[in-house]
Amino acid sequence: MLVKTLLIGLVALVGYSEYFLTGASMIFRPIALAPLVGIVLGNIPEAIKVGAAMELAYIGVVEVGISTPQDMVSASVLGTTFALSTGKGISAALTFGLPLSMLVLIVQNVMYIFVAPLYVNKMDEYAKKAEDRKLSLIAFWGGTAVNFLPSVLFIMLAYYFGTGFSKQIISVIPQFVQDGLVVASGLLPAFGFALLIQQMLRKDIVPYMILGFALTAYLKIPIIGIAIFGLVIVMILYYNEKKLKQQMDLIGKGATDDDESF
């Protein structure tokens, strides 16, 4: 149990590396972290299914500026963990993952408010003394330790003490409530896509949305086929725009040459 707890903490640390090491790699998303949890717990196929279902449910959850709807790493890791340990799949993932991720977000905010200013003041001192090496070290390691290590510890403790507790909670929840959670998990992907579309909706992309709906609803083309159609459209638009830009550059160059000749 202890080894698995440490490995779960390592998976969480991999997820948080999105913010301090790998950049915008999307490794913190459920579809990336769930298989890693499956490797630790020895159930990769089910973990992949849970991760895909959670990704659809949370696809509209994005961080915009200082707005952080929830902590995706803890939701992904703990949701998958309890889904596998209880054997209830996506319903358990949503039951435990979302509330615990909000608690982790509270822990992070507490650290930002009360602890982060301490090492920020230290950074100011190093900056005034032009001690760039110490400044770089405390900026990286101080920020990483304050921002993410408490969250990793929370996830490890939640797994270590919560696995047995989660099974008891699931056994108490009536079956019709669990069935309702399964039905809700089927509605969440649509809600997630709606949130995503609301952020990116523009008049010029509405025809493509209608085309995608028509291809799916009336021609029964699977999602892979829709993705291929979308890729082809993007390539056509890209190369046409590139060709148009080259033509405009040639026209502009020709007009400049004519002016110089005149």
Protein backbone atom coordinates (compact mmCIF):
# COMPACT_ATOMS: atom_id res chain seq x y z
CA MET A 1 0.00 0.00 0.00
CA LEU A 2 2.82 2.38 0.87
CA VAL A 3 4.59 1.76 -2.43
CA LYS A 4 1.39 2.39 -4.38
CA THR A 5 0.81 5.58 -2.40
CA LEU A 6 4.29 6.84 -3.34
CA LEU A 7 3.68 5.93 -6.98
CA ILE A 8 0.32 7.74 -6.94
CA GLY A 9 2.18 10.78 -5.61
CA LEU A 10 4.68 10.44 -8.45
CA VAL A 11 1.85 10.35 -11.00
CA ALA A 12 0.42 13.52 -9.45
CA LEU A 13 3.85 15.16 -9.64
CA VAL A 14 4.03 14.24 -13.33
CA GLY A 15 0.67 15.95 -13.81
CA TYR A 16 1.80 19.10 -12.02
CA SER A 17 4.97 19.19 -14.14
CA GLU A 18 2.69 20.81 -16.74
CA TYR A 19 3.08 24.02 -14.74
CA PHE A 20 6.82 24.05 -14.00
CA LEU A 21 8.64 21.63 -16.32
CA THR A 22 6.97 20.43 -19.54
CA GLY A 23 5.02 23.54 -20.50
CA ALA A 24 1.65 23.30 -22.27
CA SER A 25 1.82 19.56 -22.91
CA MET A 26 -1.71 18.78 -21.58
CA ILE A 27 -0.21 16.01 -19.44
CA PHE A 28 -2.42 17.12 -16.54
CA ARG A 29 -5.61 16.07 -18.36
CA PRO A 30 -7.51 12.89 -17.32
CA ILE A 31 -6.82 11.15 -20.64
CA ALA A 32 -3.07 11.37 -19.92
CA LEU A 33 -2.98 10.73 -16.16
CA ALA A 34 -5.60 7.98 -15.92
CA PRO A 35 -3.50 5.37 -17.79
CA LEU A 36 -0.57 6.13 -15.45
CA VAL A 37 -2.84 5.47 -12.47
CA GLY A 38 -3.92 2.27 -14.22
CA ILE A 39 -0.29 1.16 -14.45
CA VAL A 40 0.16 1.73 -10.70
CA LEU A 41 -3.06 -0.08 -9.76
CA GLY A 42 -2.68 -2.83 -12.36
CA ASN A 43 -5.81 -2.14 -14.40
CA ILE A 44 -4.80 -0.21 -17.49
CA PRO A 45 -7.83 -0.99 -19.77
CA GLU A 46 -10.38 0.21 -17.23
CA ALA A 47 -8.23 3.25 -16.38
CA ILE A 48 -8.14 4.25 -20.05
CA LYS A 49 -11.95 4.01 -20.23
CA VAL A 50 -12.34 6.11 -17.08
CA GLY A 51 -9.79 8.64 -18.32
CA ALA A 52 -11.57 9.02 -21.67
CA ALA A 53 -14.95 9.45 -19.97
CA MET A 54 -13.55 12.01 -17.53
CA GLU A 55 -11.85 13.89 -20.38
CA LEU A 56 -15.19 14.24 -22.14
CA ALA A 57 -16.84 15.36 -18.91
CA TYR A 58 -14.13 17.95 -18.18
CA ILE A 59 -13.34 19.00 -21.76
CA GLY A 60 -14.83 22.44 -21.18
CA VAL A 61 -12.87 22.98 -17.96
CA VAL A 62 -10.00 25.29 -18.90
CA GLU A 63 -7.95 27.83 -16.99
CA VAL A 64 -8.44 31.35 -18.35
CA GLY A 65 -6.20 33.95 -16.72
CA ILE A 66 -6.57 33.70 -12.95
CA SER A 67 -9.81 31.72 -13.26
CA THR A 68 -9.22 28.12 -12.12
CA PRO A 69 -12.47 26.10 -12.10
CA GLN A 70 -10.90 23.11 -10.34
CA ASP A 71 -7.63 21.25 -9.93
CA MET A 72 -7.52 18.86 -12.88
CA VAL A 73 -4.57 16.80 -11.61
CA SER A 74 -6.23 15.74 -8.36
CA ALA A 75 -9.57 15.23 -10.13
CA SER A 76 -7.86 12.97 -12.68
CA VAL A 77 -5.67 10.99 -10.28
CA LEU A 78 -8.12 10.55 -7.40
CA GLY A 79 -11.13 10.12 -9.67
CA THR A 80 -9.42 7.28 -11.53
CA THR A 81 -8.08 5.80 -8.29
CA PHE A 82 -11.48 5.55 -6.62
CA ALA A 83 -13.14 4.44 -9.85
CA LEU A 84 -10.79 1.45 -10.02
CA SER A 85 -10.73 0.67 -6.29
CA THR A 86 -14.52 0.68 -5.93
CA GLY A 87 -15.22 -0.93 -9.30
CA LYS A 88 -17.95 1.65 -10.04
CA GLY A 89 -16.25 3.30 -13.00
CA ILE A 90 -17.01 6.86 -14.09
CA SER A 91 -19.77 7.39 -11.49
CA ALA A 92 -17.25 6.93 -8.65
CA ALA A 93 -14.72 9.07 -10.51
CA LEU A 94 -17.16 11.98 -10.61
CA THR A 95 -18.46 11.37 -7.08
CA PHE A 96 -15.03 11.61 -5.46
CA GLY A 97 -12.83 13.35 -8.03
CA LEU A 98 -14.69 16.67 -8.28
CA PRO A 99 -15.16 17.40 -4.53
CA LEU A 100 -11.59 16.39 -3.67
CA SER A 101 -10.20 18.51 -6.49
CA MET A 102 -12.01 21.52 -5.03
CA LEU A 103 -10.40 20.80 -1.63
CA VAL A 104 -6.98 20.67 -3.31
CA LEU A 105 -7.73 24.02 -4.92
CA ILE A 106 -8.45 25.45 -1.46
CA VAL A 107 -5.11 24.10 -0.19
CA GLN A 108 -3.33 25.73 -3.14
CA ASN A 109 -5.03 29.08 -2.51
CA VAL A 110 -4.07 28.97 1.17
CA MET A 111 -0.45 28.40 0.16
CA TYR A 112 -0.61 31.25 -2.35
CA ILE A 113 -1.96 33.66 0.28
CA PHE A 114 0.10 32.80 3.37
CA VAL A 115 3.29 31.07 2.19
CA ALA A 116 4.08 32.31 -1.31
CA PRO A 117 4.73 35.93 -0.19
CA LEU A 118 7.57 34.68 2.03
CA TYR A 119 9.69 33.33 -0.80
CA VAL A 120 8.62 36.19 -3.10
CA ASN A 121 10.14 38.64 -0.59
CA LYS A 122 13.29 36.56 -0.59
CA MET A 123 13.39 36.78 -4.38
CA ASP A 124 13.20 40.56 -4.13
CA GLU A 125 16.23 40.54 -1.82
CA TYR A 126 18.25 38.40 -4.25
CA ALA A 127 17.19 40.63 -7.15
CA LYS A 128 18.39 43.78 -5.33
CA LYS A 129 21.75 42.10 -4.65
CA ALA A 130 21.98 40.89 -8.28
CA GLU A 131 22.40 37.30 -7.08
CA ASP A 132 20.89 35.80 -10.22
CA ARG A 133 21.74 32.16 -9.45
CA LYS A 134 20.01 32.21 -6.05
CA LEU A 135 17.11 34.12 -7.61
CA SER A 136 16.67 31.45 -10.30
CA LEU A 137 16.89 28.59 -7.80
CA ILE A 138 14.32 30.00 -5.38
CA ALA A 139 12.03 31.05 -8.24
CA PHE A 140 11.95 27.50 -9.60
CA TRP A 141 12.23 25.31 -6.51
CA GLY A 142 10.43 27.67 -4.14
CA GLY A 143 7.49 28.10 -6.47
CA THR A 144 7.33 24.38 -7.22
CA ALA A 145 7.50 23.38 -3.54
CA VAL A 146 4.94 25.90 -2.35
CA ASN A 147 2.50 25.48 -5.21
CA PHE A 148 2.50 21.74 -5.84
CA LEU A 149 4.11 19.66 -3.07
CA PRO A 150 1.19 20.25 -0.63
CA SER A 151 -1.22 19.16 -3.38
CA VAL A 152 0.82 16.01 -4.04
CA LEU A 153 0.84 15.20 -0.32
CA PHE A 154 -2.93 15.76 -0.14
CA ILE A 155 -3.47 13.36 -3.05
CA MET A 156 -1.24 10.72 -1.44
CA LEU A 157 -3.05 10.99 1.89
CA ALA A 158 -6.45 10.90 0.20
CA TYR A 159 -5.47 7.70 -1.59
CA TYR A 160 -3.88 6.07 1.47
CA PHE A 161 -6.73 6.75 3.88
CA GLY A 162 -9.58 7.12 1.44
CA THR A 163 -9.57 3.85 -0.49
CA GLY A 164 -11.36 1.83 2.18
CA PHE A 165 -13.54 4.79 3.12
CA SER A 166 -14.62 5.28 -0.48
CA LYS A 167 -15.76 1.67 -0.70
CA GLN A 168 -17.92 2.17 2.41
CA ILE A 169 -19.40 5.37 0.95
CA ILE A 170 -20.23 3.64 -2.34
CA SER A 171 -21.89 0.75 -0.51
CA VAL A 172 -24.15 3.22 1.34
CA ILE A 173 -25.19 5.21 -1.76
CA PRO A 174 -28.47 3.76 -3.14
CA GLN A 175 -28.28 2.03 -6.49
CA PHE A 176 -30.66 4.47 -8.16
CA VAL A 177 -28.35 7.35 -7.18
CA GLN A 178 -25.37 5.50 -8.68
CA ASP A 179 -27.41 4.87 -11.83
CA GLY A 180 -28.25 8.57 -11.93
CA LEU A 181 -24.57 9.43 -11.73
CA VAL A 182 -23.90 7.13 -14.68
CA VAL A 183 -26.65 8.89 -16.68
CA ALA A 184 -25.25 12.29 -15.64
CA SER A 185 -21.80 11.23 -16.79
CA GLY A 186 -23.32 10.71 -20.23
CA LEU A 187 -24.71 14.25 -20.20
CA LEU A 188 -21.50 15.88 -18.95
CA PRO A 189 -19.62 15.50 -22.26
CA ALA A 190 -22.33 17.55 -23.98
CA PHE A 191 -22.08 20.13 -21.20
CA GLY A 192 -18.29 20.17 -21.54
CA PHE A 193 -18.48 20.71 -25.29
CA ALA A 194 -21.05 23.45 -24.74
CA LEU A 195 -18.66 25.28 -22.39
CA LEU A 196 -15.84 24.87 -24.90
CA ILE A 197 -17.95 26.09 -27.82
CA GLN A 198 -19.18 29.07 -25.81
CA GLN A 199 -15.58 30.27 -25.45
CA MET A 200 -14.63 29.84 -29.11
CA LEU A 201 -17.93 30.48 -30.88
CA ARG A 202 -17.67 32.94 -33.77
CA LYS A 203 -19.88 33.51 -36.78
CA ASP A 204 -17.25 32.23 -39.20
CA ILE A 205 -17.04 28.79 -37.56
CA VAL A 206 -20.79 28.18 -37.26
CA PRO A 207 -20.98 26.55 -40.76
CA TYR A 208 -18.34 24.02 -39.75
CA MET A 209 -20.27 23.16 -36.59
CA ILE A 210 -23.43 22.61 -38.63
CA LEU A 211 -21.45 20.47 -41.09
CA GLY A 212 -20.07 18.33 -38.27
CA PHE A 213 -23.54 17.87 -36.79
CA ALA A 214 -25.01 16.92 -40.16
CA LEU A 215 -22.24 14.40 -40.88
CA THR A 216 -22.78 12.76 -37.49
CA ALA A 217 -26.58 12.92 -37.23
CA TYR A 218 -27.59 12.07 -40.78
CA LEU A 219 -24.66 10.23 -42.36
CA LYS A 220 -23.72 8.38 -39.15
CA ILE A 221 -20.02 9.05 -39.64
CA PRO A 222 -18.02 8.07 -36.51
CA ILE A 223 -15.92 10.57 -34.58
CA ILE A 224 -12.68 9.43 -36.25
CA GLY A 225 -14.21 10.17 -39.64
CA ILE A 226 -15.33 13.62 -38.44
CA ALA A 227 -11.79 14.29 -37.19
CA ILE A 228 -10.38 13.33 -40.60
CA PHE A 229 -12.86 15.65 -42.35
CA GLY A 230 -11.85 18.44 -39.97
CA LEU A 231 -8.15 17.84 -40.63
CA VAL A 232 -8.70 17.99 -44.39
CA ILE A 233 -10.65 21.26 -44.07
CA VAL A 234 -7.93 22.79 -41.89
CA MET A 235 -5.24 21.77 -44.41
CA ILE A 236 -7.24 23.22 -47.32
CA LEU A 237 -7.78 26.50 -45.49
CA TYR A 238 -4.15 26.68 -44.40
CA TYR A 239 -2.65 26.10 -47.86
CA ASN A 240 -5.18 28.39 -49.56
CA GLU A 241 -4.39 31.16 -47.09
CA LYS A 242 -0.66 30.58 -47.56
CA LYS A 243 -1.03 30.69 -51.35
CA LEU A 244 -3.14 33.87 -51.14
CA LYS A 245 -0.51 35.51 -48.92
CA GLN A 246 2.23 34.65 -51.42
CA GLN A 247 0.16 36.13 -54.25
CA MET A 248 -0.48 39.31 -52.27
CA ASP A 249 3.24 39.60 -51.52
CA LEU A 250 4.04 39.26 -55.24
CA ILE A 251 1.44 41.89 -56.11
CA GLY A 252 2.85 44.23 -53.50
CA LYS A 253 6.40 43.64 -54.71
CA GLY A 254 5.34 44.29 -58.29
CA ALA A 255 3.68 47.56 -57.34
CA THR A 256 6.86 48.63 -55.49
CA ASP A 257 9.03 47.84 -58.54
CA ASP A 258 6.70 49.83 -60.78
CA ASP A 259 6.93 52.83 -58.46
CA GLU A 260 10.72 52.64 -58.42
CA SER A 261 10.83 52.36 -62.23
CA PHE A 262 8.56 55.40 -62.53
